[in-house]
C-alpha atoms as a PDB file:
ATOM      1  CA  MET A   1      13.957  -0.947   8.647  1.00  0.00           C
ATOM      2  CA  THR A   2      14.436  -2.384  12.107  1.00  0.00           C
ATOM      3  CA  TYR A   3      14.377   0.757  14.240  1.00  0.00           C
ATOM      4  CA  MET A   4      11.328   2.968  14.015  1.00  0.00           C
ATOM      5  CA  THR A   5      11.006   6.392  15.586  1.00  0.00           C
ATOM      6  CA  ARG A   6       7.998   7.294  17.730  1.00  0.00           C
ATOM      7  CA  GLN A   7       6.608   9.341  14.831  1.00  0.00           C
ATOM      8  CA  GLN A   8       7.038   6.454  12.392  1.00  0.00           C
ATOM      9  CA  GLN A   9       5.290   4.122  14.830  1.00  0.00           C
ATOM     10  CA  ALA A  10       2.417   6.610  15.213  1.00  0.00           C
ATOM     11  CA  ILE A  11       2.127   7.022  11.426  1.00  0.00           C
ATOM     12  CA  LEU A  12       2.169   3.268  10.840  1.00  0.00           C
ATOM     13  CA  ALA A  13      -0.422   2.654  13.586  1.00  0.00           C
ATOM     14  CA  CYS A  14      -2.686   5.320  12.092  1.00  0.00           C
ATOM     15  CA  ILE A  15      -2.396   3.833   8.589  1.00  0.00           C
ATOM     16  CA  GLN A  16      -3.023   0.354   9.969  1.00  0.00           C
ATOM     17  CA  SER A  17      -6.261   1.526  11.586  1.00  0.00           C
ATOM     18  CA  CYS A  18      -7.613   3.088   8.361  1.00  0.00           C
ATOM     19  CA  ASP A  19      -9.521   0.775   6.062  1.00  0.00           C
ATOM     20  CA  GLY A  20      -9.084   1.735   2.429  1.00  0.00           C
ATOM     21  CA  GLY A  21      -5.993   3.848   2.969  1.00  0.00           C
ATOM     22  CA  ILE A  22      -5.376   7.436   3.957  1.00  0.00           C
ATOM     23  CA  GLY A  23      -3.821  10.456   2.262  1.00  0.00           C
ATOM     24  CA  ALA A  24      -0.858  12.333   3.729  1.00  0.00           C
ATOM     25  CA  ALA A  25      -2.843  15.477   4.620  1.00  0.00           C
ATOM     26  CA  GLU A  26      -5.614  13.493   6.314  1.00  0.00           C
ATOM     27  CA  LEU A  27      -2.970  11.415   8.093  1.00  0.00           C
ATOM     28  CA  THR A  28      -1.290  14.578   9.390  1.00  0.00           C
ATOM     29  CA  GLU A  29      -4.636  15.935  10.647  1.00  0.00           C
ATOM     30  CA  THR A  30      -5.441  12.635  12.355  1.00  0.00           C
ATOM     31  CA  LEU A  31      -2.038  12.582  14.045  1.00  0.00           C
ATOM     32  CA  HIS A  32      -2.558  16.164  15.269  1.00  0.00           C
ATOM     33  CA  ARG A  33      -5.916  15.149  16.794  1.00  0.00           C
ATOM     34  CA  GLN A  34      -4.068  12.318  18.562  1.00  0.00           C
ATOM     35  CA  GLY A  35      -1.589  14.797  20.041  1.00  0.00           C
ATOM     36  CA  GLU A  36       1.323  14.156  17.663  1.00  0.00           C
ATOM     37  CA  THR A  37       3.142  17.308  16.583  1.00  0.00           C
ATOM     38  CA  VAL A  38       4.293  16.394  13.111  1.00  0.00           C
ATOM     39  CA  GLY A  39       4.356  18.451   9.927  1.00  0.00           C
ATOM     40  CA  LEU A  40       3.165  17.403   6.495  1.00  0.00           C
ATOM     41  CA  THR A  41       6.717  17.389   5.084  1.00  0.00           C
ATOM     42  CA  THR A  42       7.839  15.056   7.868  1.00  0.00           C
ATOM     43  CA  VAL A  43       4.853  12.789   7.243  1.00  0.00           C
ATOM     44  CA  TYR A  44       5.781  12.542   3.547  1.00  0.00           C
ATOM     45  CA  ARG A  45       9.389  11.717   4.466  1.00  0.00           C
ATOM     46  CA  HIS A  46       8.292   8.956   6.865  1.00  0.00           C
ATOM     47  CA  LEU A  47       5.779   7.602   4.336  1.00  0.00           C
ATOM     48  CA  GLU A  48       8.545   7.319   1.742  1.00  0.00           C
ATOM     49  CA  ARG A  49      10.710   5.363   4.190  1.00  0.00           C
ATOM     50  CA  LEU A  50       7.837   3.110   5.223  1.00  0.00           C
ATOM     51  CA  GLU A  51       7.021   2.418   1.570  1.00  0.00           C
ATOM     52  CA  LYS A  52      10.640   1.539   0.767  1.00  0.00           C
ATOM     53  CA  ALA A  53      10.692  -0.781   3.788  1.00  0.00           C
ATOM     54  CA  GLY A  54       7.578  -2.568   2.496  1.00  0.00           C
ATOM     55  CA  LYS A  55       5.455  -1.570   5.486  1.00  0.00           C
ATOM     56  CA  VAL A  56       2.946   0.472   3.451  1.00  0.00           C
ATOM     57  CA  HIS A  57       1.745   0.659  -0.128  1.00  0.00           C
ATOM     58  CA  LYS A  58       1.351   3.944  -1.960  1.00  0.00           C
ATOM     59  CA  ILE A  59      -1.743   3.790  -4.136  1.00  0.00           C
ATOM     60  CA  VAL A  60      -2.116   6.592  -6.658  1.00  0.00           C
ATOM     61  CA  THR A  61      -5.721   7.342  -7.592  1.00  0.00           C
ATOM     62  CA  ASP A  62      -7.473  10.069  -9.561  1.00  0.00           C
ATOM     63  CA  SER A  63      -7.954  11.989  -6.311  1.00  0.00           C
ATOM     64  CA  GLY A  64      -4.313  11.673  -5.196  1.00  0.00           C
ATOM     65  CA  ALA A  65      -2.135   9.227  -3.318  1.00  0.00           C
ATOM     66  CA  LYS A  66      -3.325   7.081  -0.439  1.00  0.00           C
ATOM     67  CA  TYR A  67      -1.262   4.864   1.796  1.00  0.00           C
ATOM     68  CA  GLN A  68      -2.317   1.425   2.994  1.00  0.00           C
ATOM     69  CA  PHE A  69      -0.738  -0.874   5.539  1.00  0.00           C
ATOM     70  CA  CYS A  70       0.888  -3.887   3.878  1.00  0.00           C
ATOM     71  CA  THR A  71      -0.665  -7.058   5.247  1.00  0.00           C
ATOM     72  CA  CYS A  72       1.677  -9.403   3.349  1.00  0.00           C
ATOM     73  CA  ASN A  73       4.930  -8.703   5.195  1.00  0.00           C
ATOM     74  CA  ALA A  74       4.819 -11.887   7.272  1.00  0.00           C
ATOM     75  CA  SER A  75       5.744 -14.069   4.280  1.00  0.00           C
ATOM     76  CA  GLY A  76       8.892 -12.110   3.491  1.00  0.00           C
ATOM     77  CA  ARG A  77       7.853 -12.055  -0.176  1.00  0.00           C
ATOM     78  CA  ASP A  78       6.655  -9.089  -2.141  1.00  0.00           C
ATOM     79  CA  CYS A  79       2.910  -8.844  -2.462  1.00  0.00           C
ATOM     80  CA  PHE A  80       0.872  -7.081  -5.086  1.00  0.00           C
ATOM     81  CA  LEU A  81      -2.380  -5.165  -5.132  1.00  0.00           C
ATOM     82  CA  LEU A  82      -5.766  -5.805  -6.713  1.00  0.00           C
ATOM     83  CA  LYS A  83      -8.209  -2.905  -7.173  1.00  0.00           C
ATOM     84  CA  CYS A  84     -11.886  -3.429  -7.889  1.00  0.00           C
ATOM     85  CA  GLU A  85     -13.101  -1.032 -10.568  1.00  0.00           C
ATOM     86  CA  LYS A  86     -16.674  -1.272  -9.238  1.00  0.00           C
ATOM     87  CA  CYS A  87     -16.376  -0.699  -5.475  1.00  0.00           C
ATOM     88  CA  GLY A  88     -12.828   0.692  -5.328  1.00  0.00           C
ATOM     89  CA  GLU A  89     -11.611  -1.808  -2.738  1.00  0.00           C
ATOM     90  CA  VAL A  90      -7.873  -2.472  -2.833  1.00  0.00           C
ATOM     91  CA  CYS A  91      -6.633  -5.760  -1.410  1.00  0.00           C
ATOM     92  CA  HIS A  92      -3.137  -7.064  -0.876  1.00  0.00           C
ATOM     93  CA  VAL A  93      -2.362 -10.492  -2.273  1.00  0.00           C
ATOM     94  CA  ASP A  94       0.589 -12.713  -1.459  1.00  0.00           C
ATOM     95  CA  CYS A  95       0.599 -15.265  -4.275  1.00  0.00           C
ATOM     96  CA  SER A  96       3.586 -17.229  -5.514  1.00  0.00           C
ATOM     97  CA  HIS A  97       2.003 -17.766  -8.950  1.00  0.00           C
ATOM     98  CA  LEU A  98       3.118 -14.320 -10.128  1.00  0.00           C
ATOM     99  CA  ALA A  99       6.817 -14.993  -9.504  1.00  0.00           C
ATOM    100  CA  PRO A 100       7.163 -16.991 -12.768  1.00  0.00           C
ATOM    101  CA  LEU A 101       5.518 -14.132 -14.685  1.00  0.00           C
ATOM    102  CA  TYR A 102       7.904 -11.604 -13.132  1.00  0.00           C
ATOM    103  CA  ARG A 103      10.874 -13.837 -14.047  1.00  0.00           C
ATOM    104  CA  HIS A 104       9.583 -14.277 -17.604  1.00  0.00           C
ATOM    105  CA  LEU A 105       9.178 -10.525 -18.084  1.00  0.00           C
ATOM    106  CA  GLU A 106      12.692  -9.923 -16.824  1.00  0.00           C
ATOM    107  CA  GLU A 107      14.427 -12.768 -18.688  1.00  0.00           C
ATOM    108  CA  GLU A 108      12.548 -12.600 -21.989  1.00  0.00           C
ATOM    109  CA  HIS A 109      11.655  -8.934 -22.207  1.00  0.00           C
ATOM    110  CA  GLY A 110      14.304  -7.254 -20.059  1.00  0.00           C
ATOM    111  CA  PHE A 111      11.649  -5.643 -17.869  1.00  0.00           C
ATOM    112  CA  SER A 112      11.843  -5.822 -14.099  1.00  0.00           C
ATOM    113  CA  ILE A 113       8.554  -5.513 -12.184  1.00  0.00           C
ATOM    114  CA  ASP A 114       8.348  -3.798  -8.799  1.00  0.00           C
ATOM    115  CA  PRO A 115       5.653  -5.903  -7.080  1.00  0.00           C
ATOM    116  CA  ARG A 116       5.123  -3.347  -4.320  1.00  0.00           C
ATOM    117  CA  ARG A 117       4.066  -0.772  -6.902  1.00  0.00           C
ATOM    118  CA  THR A 118       2.087  -3.080  -9.177  1.00  0.00           C
ATOM    119  CA  LEU A 119      -1.679  -2.611  -9.155  1.00  0.00           C
ATOM    120  CA  PHE A 120      -3.987  -4.971 -11.050  1.00  0.00           C
ATOM    121  CA  TYR A 121      -7.437  -3.638 -11.992  1.00  0.00           C
ATOM    122  CA  GLY A 122     -10.510  -5.819 -12.289  1.00  0.00           C
ATOM    123  CA  VAL A 123     -13.761  -6.697 -10.516  1.00  0.00           C
ATOM    124  CA  CYS A 124     -13.804  -8.348  -7.093  1.00  0.00           C
ATOM    125  CA  ARG A 125     -15.787 -11.480  -6.289  1.00  0.00           C
ATOM    126  CA  ARG A 126     -18.348  -9.572  -4.196  1.00  0.00           C
ATOM    127  CA  CYS A 127     -19.143  -7.152  -7.052  1.00  0.00           C
ATOM    128  CA  ARG A 128     -19.271  -9.969  -9.628  1.00  0.00           C
ATOM    129  CA  GLU A 129     -21.680 -11.952  -7.447  1.00  0.00           C
ATOM    130  CA  ALA A 130     -23.833  -8.859  -6.830  1.00  0.00           C
ATOM    131  CA  ALA A 131     -24.104  -8.309 -10.594  1.00  0.00           C
ATOM    132  CA  GLU A 132     -25.364 -11.857 -11.235  1.00  0.00           C
END
């Protein structure tokens, strides 16, 4: 995705400014407050394109989907997500150590992983240290 429309740029800027992600309805409301006239259906369409382009991550939670800006794009590699089960923080990780695992799963088990949609659950360092 090289060319981005004004609406896509506004959506991406809004997502980038939201820590922890933002849902489509909240995103639409925020854009309206900023003077953007965009409908919810259009927002969903742009979010789908931005996700396919690797600009945002769609994170599905119990309360619905949220979208987060992808901070790993500079490397050109796919990143993956870690979600803390204690505090709920989701962080993007660009780590080459998972590539061998992805290859193994594909070659030995015939299963291809989509890193942009892979979410690992665990406990973050901050929560582990707070529990000690």
